[in-house]
Amino acid sequence: MGQNIWDRIKATAHDWRLGDYFRQFSIVAAGIIVTFWGSDKITERSRQKEVWATMQLVAEELEYNRKELREVKRLLDIDRHMSSVLLEHNMDIYDIPEDTLEKYGKLFSNLSEFSYRADALDVLKGSSLMQYIPDKRLLQNAMQPYFQLGRIKKDVDDYYQVKTDVLMSIIASKRKTNVSAEDDDFRNNILFLIDEDRFVNFVVMAPGFLYWGEFDELDEMLGEQIEVLEAKYK
């Protein structure tokens, strides 16, 4: 009888130790799961912050590129307009008002270039963040303007390279002919240029050298993508 009681006590103690062990184990396991879950949540929040910050930079970069596009188009429009005016007046500058020549005088001197930024895009492409942007169409649309900017840059660079070659060759020939400094004023410089077939050919070519509609289309595309990105990642 006493033996049975002792056996029951030992069994109860044994059961208590096993139950206590499993309870402690469950608590520890639950703590580990919660820790990992919390760690994953922190990592996810951190990753989303990186995505937001990078996409905000992309939006700012597109806005900068839009301003650069508009500036180079403004300069190109001067060349296009002045070229058209010269052709309308058969290259006779005495038929053109002085203030018009001065307003659009950059045709005769300006040598510019078009540059745009892609640093934010490079950061996005060089990181692993793209895979954490679920809206792939948004991502594709945000990247498309950069492709178009590259195409227009090439066209603009080609235009200014032709213009540079023409003006530099004429300036070189002017130095060789030892033109007097007394004649080195604005109107006389224009007369010197339009007396050169190379410049006349450039004037004829300039209005149709570029696809002007592409500038407006890209400007609109940039505006749309900036608006979308600012709305989503403000």
Protein backbone atom coordinates (compact mmCIF):
# COMPACT_ATOMS: atom_id res chain seq x y z
CA MET A 1 0.00 0.00 0.00
CA GLY A 2 2.76 2.38 1.00
CA GLN A 3 4.65 1.39 -2.07
CA ASN A 4 1.73 2.32 -4.28
CA ILE A 5 1.46 5.70 -2.66
CA TRP A 6 5.17 6.33 -3.19
CA ASP A 7 4.93 5.25 -6.82
CA ARG A 8 2.03 7.64 -7.36
CA ILE A 9 4.02 10.49 -5.80
CA LYS A 10 7.01 9.78 -8.04
CA ALA A 11 4.80 9.55 -11.09
CA THR A 12 3.13 12.84 -10.20
CA ALA A 13 6.50 14.53 -9.71
CA HIS A 14 7.73 13.06 -12.97
CA ASP A 15 4.63 14.24 -14.80
CA TRP A 16 5.03 17.69 -13.26
CA ARG A 17 8.64 17.93 -14.38
CA LEU A 18 7.74 16.92 -17.95
CA GLY A 19 4.79 19.27 -18.07
CA ASP A 20 6.86 22.11 -16.67
CA TYR A 21 9.58 21.41 -19.21
CA PHE A 22 7.14 21.49 -22.11
CA ARG A 23 5.57 24.68 -20.82
CA GLN A 24 8.96 26.34 -20.53
CA PHE A 25 9.95 25.07 -23.94
CA SER A 26 6.72 26.42 -25.46
CA ILE A 27 7.35 29.82 -23.92
CA VAL A 28 10.92 29.92 -25.24
CA ALA A 29 9.84 28.73 -28.71
CA ALA A 30 7.07 31.30 -28.83
CA GLY A 31 9.57 33.97 -27.84
CA ILE A 32 11.90 32.94 -30.65
CA ILE A 33 9.04 32.99 -33.18
CA VAL A 34 7.92 36.42 -32.02
CA THR A 35 11.52 37.66 -32.19
CA PHE A 36 11.95 36.45 -35.76
CA TRP A 37 8.54 37.80 -36.73
CA GLY A 38 9.38 41.14 -35.22
CA SER A 39 12.77 41.13 -36.92
CA ASP A 40 11.12 40.41 -40.28
CA LYS A 41 8.69 43.25 -39.69
CA ILE A 42 11.52 45.64 -38.89
CA THR A 43 13.42 44.50 -41.99
CA GLU A 44 10.31 44.96 -44.13
CA ARG A 45 9.68 48.46 -42.79
CA SER A 46 13.32 49.36 -43.33
CA ARG A 47 13.20 48.02 -46.87
CA GLN A 48 10.02 49.94 -47.66
CA LYS A 49 11.62 53.13 -46.35
CA GLU A 50 14.52 52.55 -48.74
CA VAL A 51 12.10 52.00 -51.63
CA TRP A 52 10.19 55.18 -50.80
CA ALA A 53 13.35 57.26 -50.43
CA THR A 54 14.79 55.97 -53.71
CA MET A 55 11.56 56.50 -55.66
CA GLN A 56 11.33 60.03 -54.27
CA LEU A 57 14.84 60.63 -55.61
CA VAL A 58 13.74 59.29 -58.98
CA ALA A 59 10.82 61.75 -59.02
CA GLU A 60 13.14 64.64 -58.13
CA GLU A 61 15.60 63.53 -60.79
CA LEU A 62 12.88 63.42 -63.44
CA GLU A 63 11.84 66.95 -62.44
CA TYR A 64 15.43 68.14 -62.85
CA ASN A 65 15.65 66.45 -66.25
CA ARG A 66 12.41 68.08 -67.32
CA LYS A 67 13.86 71.52 -66.56
CA GLU A 68 17.02 70.68 -68.53
CA LEU A 69 14.91 69.47 -71.46
CA ARG A 70 12.91 72.69 -71.49
CA GLU A 71 16.06 74.81 -71.38
CA VAL A 72 17.74 73.09 -74.30
CA LYS A 73 14.48 73.23 -76.26
CA ARG A 74 14.31 76.98 -75.59
CA LEU A 75 17.76 77.40 -77.12
CA LEU A 76 16.93 75.14 -80.04
CA ASP A 77 13.71 77.05 -80.67
CA ILE A 78 15.80 80.21 -81.04
CA ASP A 79 17.88 78.54 -83.74
CA ARG A 80 14.82 77.17 -85.49
CA HIS A 81 12.96 80.48 -85.42
CA MET A 82 15.91 82.61 -86.55
CA SER A 83 16.72 80.17 -89.32
CA SER A 84 13.15 80.39 -90.57
CA VAL A 85 13.26 84.20 -90.45
CA LEU A 86 16.50 84.27 -92.46
CA LEU A 87 15.02 81.94 -95.07
CA GLU A 88 11.85 84.01 -95.29
CA HIS A 89 13.99 87.09 -96.04
CA ASN A 90 16.32 85.26 -98.43
CA MET A 91 19.24 85.67 -95.98
CA ASP A 92 19.01 89.47 -96.26
CA ILE A 93 19.50 90.71 -92.72
CA TYR A 94 18.75 94.31 -93.70
CA ASP A 95 15.14 93.28 -94.11
CA ILE A 96 15.09 91.94 -90.56
CA PRO A 97 14.55 94.32 -87.60
CA GLU A 98 17.59 94.82 -85.39
CA ASP A 99 15.74 93.78 -82.24
CA THR A 100 14.78 90.48 -83.91
CA LEU A 101 18.40 89.78 -84.77
CA GLU A 102 19.41 90.50 -81.19
CA LYS A 103 16.57 88.51 -79.63
CA TYR A 104 17.38 85.41 -81.66
CA GLY A 105 21.09 86.09 -82.03
CA LYS A 106 22.11 82.83 -80.34
CA LEU A 107 21.75 81.14 -83.71
CA PHE A 108 24.99 82.82 -84.68
CA SER A 109 26.98 81.95 -81.58
CA ASN A 110 25.44 79.55 -79.10
CA LEU A 111 27.08 76.14 -78.82
CA SER A 112 25.24 74.21 -76.17
CA GLU A 113 24.63 70.64 -75.10
CA PHE A 114 21.94 68.61 -73.41
CA SER A 115 22.67 66.66 -70.26
CA TYR A 116 20.42 64.76 -67.91
CA ARG A 117 20.85 62.88 -64.65
CA ALA A 118 20.33 59.17 -64.05
CA ASP A 119 21.99 58.76 -60.63
CA ALA A 120 18.77 57.82 -58.82
CA LEU A 121 17.89 55.35 -61.55
CA ASP A 122 21.36 53.79 -61.27
CA VAL A 123 20.91 53.42 -57.50
CA LEU A 124 17.56 51.72 -58.05
CA LYS A 125 18.89 49.38 -60.72
CA GLY A 126 22.09 48.62 -58.80
CA SER A 127 20.28 47.63 -55.62
CA SER A 128 17.85 44.82 -54.86
CA LEU A 129 15.00 47.26 -54.29
CA MET A 130 13.32 46.76 -57.66
CA GLN A 131 12.07 43.32 -56.64
CA TYR A 132 10.26 44.86 -53.67
CA ILE A 133 8.17 47.18 -55.84
CA PRO A 134 5.03 45.15 -56.55
CA ASP A 135 3.67 47.50 -59.23
CA LYS A 136 5.94 46.55 -62.13
CA ARG A 137 3.99 48.68 -64.59
CA LEU A 138 4.66 51.76 -62.46
CA LEU A 139 8.33 50.82 -62.36
CA GLN A 140 8.49 50.33 -66.13
CA ASN A 141 6.72 53.64 -66.77
CA ALA A 142 9.12 55.46 -64.42
CA MET A 143 12.13 54.10 -66.32
CA GLN A 144 10.79 54.85 -69.82
CA PRO A 145 11.56 58.61 -69.77
CA TYR A 146 15.25 57.87 -69.21
CA PHE A 147 15.35 55.90 -72.44
CA GLN A 148 13.72 58.78 -74.31
CA LEU A 149 16.08 61.29 -72.69
CA GLY A 150 19.01 59.25 -73.99
CA ARG A 151 17.62 59.28 -77.53
CA ILE A 152 17.00 63.02 -77.51
CA LYS A 153 20.44 63.70 -76.04
CA LYS A 154 22.03 61.88 -78.96
CA ASP A 155 19.99 63.90 -81.49
CA VAL A 156 20.76 67.20 -79.75
CA ASP A 157 24.46 66.33 -79.51
CA ASP A 158 24.48 65.56 -83.24
CA TYR A 159 22.84 68.91 -83.97
CA TYR A 160 25.30 70.92 -81.92
CA GLN A 161 28.22 68.97 -83.33
CA VAL A 162 27.21 70.00 -86.85
CA LYS A 163 26.74 73.60 -85.73
CA THR A 164 30.08 73.62 -83.94
CA ASP A 165 31.89 72.28 -86.99
CA VAL A 166 30.32 74.93 -89.21
CA LEU A 167 30.98 77.90 -86.91
CA MET A 168 34.49 76.83 -85.93
CA SER A 169 35.52 76.32 -89.54
CA ILE A 170 34.17 79.75 -90.50
CA ILE A 171 35.89 81.41 -87.52
CA ALA A 172 39.15 79.74 -88.52
CA SER A 173 38.81 81.06 -92.07
CA LYS A 174 38.00 84.52 -90.70
CA ARG A 175 41.27 84.56 -88.79
CA LYS A 176 43.16 83.52 -91.86
CA THR A 177 41.70 86.41 -93.88
CA ASN A 178 42.72 88.88 -91.12
CA VAL A 179 39.37 90.64 -90.94
CA SER A 180 39.76 94.05 -89.31
CA ALA A 181 38.69 94.43 -85.70
CA GLU A 182 36.70 97.50 -86.76
CA ASP A 183 34.32 95.18 -88.57
CA ASP A 184 33.97 92.91 -85.54
CA ASP A 185 30.47 93.95 -84.46
CA PHE A 186 27.25 91.97 -84.25
CA ARG A 187 25.77 92.78 -87.66
CA ASN A 188 29.07 92.47 -89.48
CA ASN A 189 29.65 89.09 -87.87
CA ILE A 190 26.26 87.96 -89.12
CA LEU A 191 27.08 89.25 -92.59
CA PHE A 192 30.32 87.34 -92.50
CA LEU A 193 28.50 84.14 -91.55
CA ILE A 194 25.73 84.34 -94.13
CA ASP A 195 28.30 85.00 -96.80
CA GLU A 196 29.55 81.48 -96.21
CA ASP A 197 27.82 78.62 -98.01
CA ARG A 198 28.53 76.36 -95.04
CA PHE A 199 26.46 78.54 -92.76
CA VAL A 200 23.68 79.01 -95.31
CA ASN A 201 23.43 75.23 -95.67
CA PHE A 202 23.22 74.91 -91.91
CA VAL A 203 20.42 77.51 -91.77
CA VAL A 204 18.49 75.60 -94.41
CA MET A 205 18.96 72.35 -92.51
CA ALA A 206 18.33 73.60 -88.95
CA PRO A 207 14.50 73.85 -88.88
CA GLY A 208 14.10 70.21 -89.90
CA PHE A 209 17.12 68.67 -88.21
CA LEU A 210 15.26 67.49 -85.12
CA TYR A 211 11.86 65.93 -84.53
CA TRP A 212 10.46 68.83 -82.54
CA GLY A 213 7.31 67.00 -81.49
CA GLU A 214 9.41 64.52 -79.50
CA PHE A 215 10.40 67.27 -77.08
CA ASP A 216 6.78 68.04 -76.20
CA GLU A 217 5.92 64.35 -75.98
CA LEU A 218 8.79 63.70 -73.61
CA ASP A 219 7.93 66.76 -71.54
CA GLU A 220 4.41 65.42 -71.15
CA MET A 221 5.70 61.94 -70.30
CA LEU A 222 8.00 63.36 -67.64
CA GLY A 223 5.17 65.38 -66.14
CA GLU A 224 2.90 62.34 -65.92
CA GLN A 225 5.54 60.16 -64.26
CA ILE A 226 6.53 62.87 -61.80
CA GLU A 227 2.88 63.28 -60.81
CA VAL A 228 2.39 59.53 -60.36
CA LEU A 229 5.55 59.05 -58.30
CA GLU A 230 4.91 62.07 -56.11
CA ALA A 231 1.37 60.86 -55.40
CA LYS A 232 2.50 57.34 -54.44
CA TYR A 233 5.74 58.16 -52.65
CA LYS A 234 5.01 61.57 -51.13
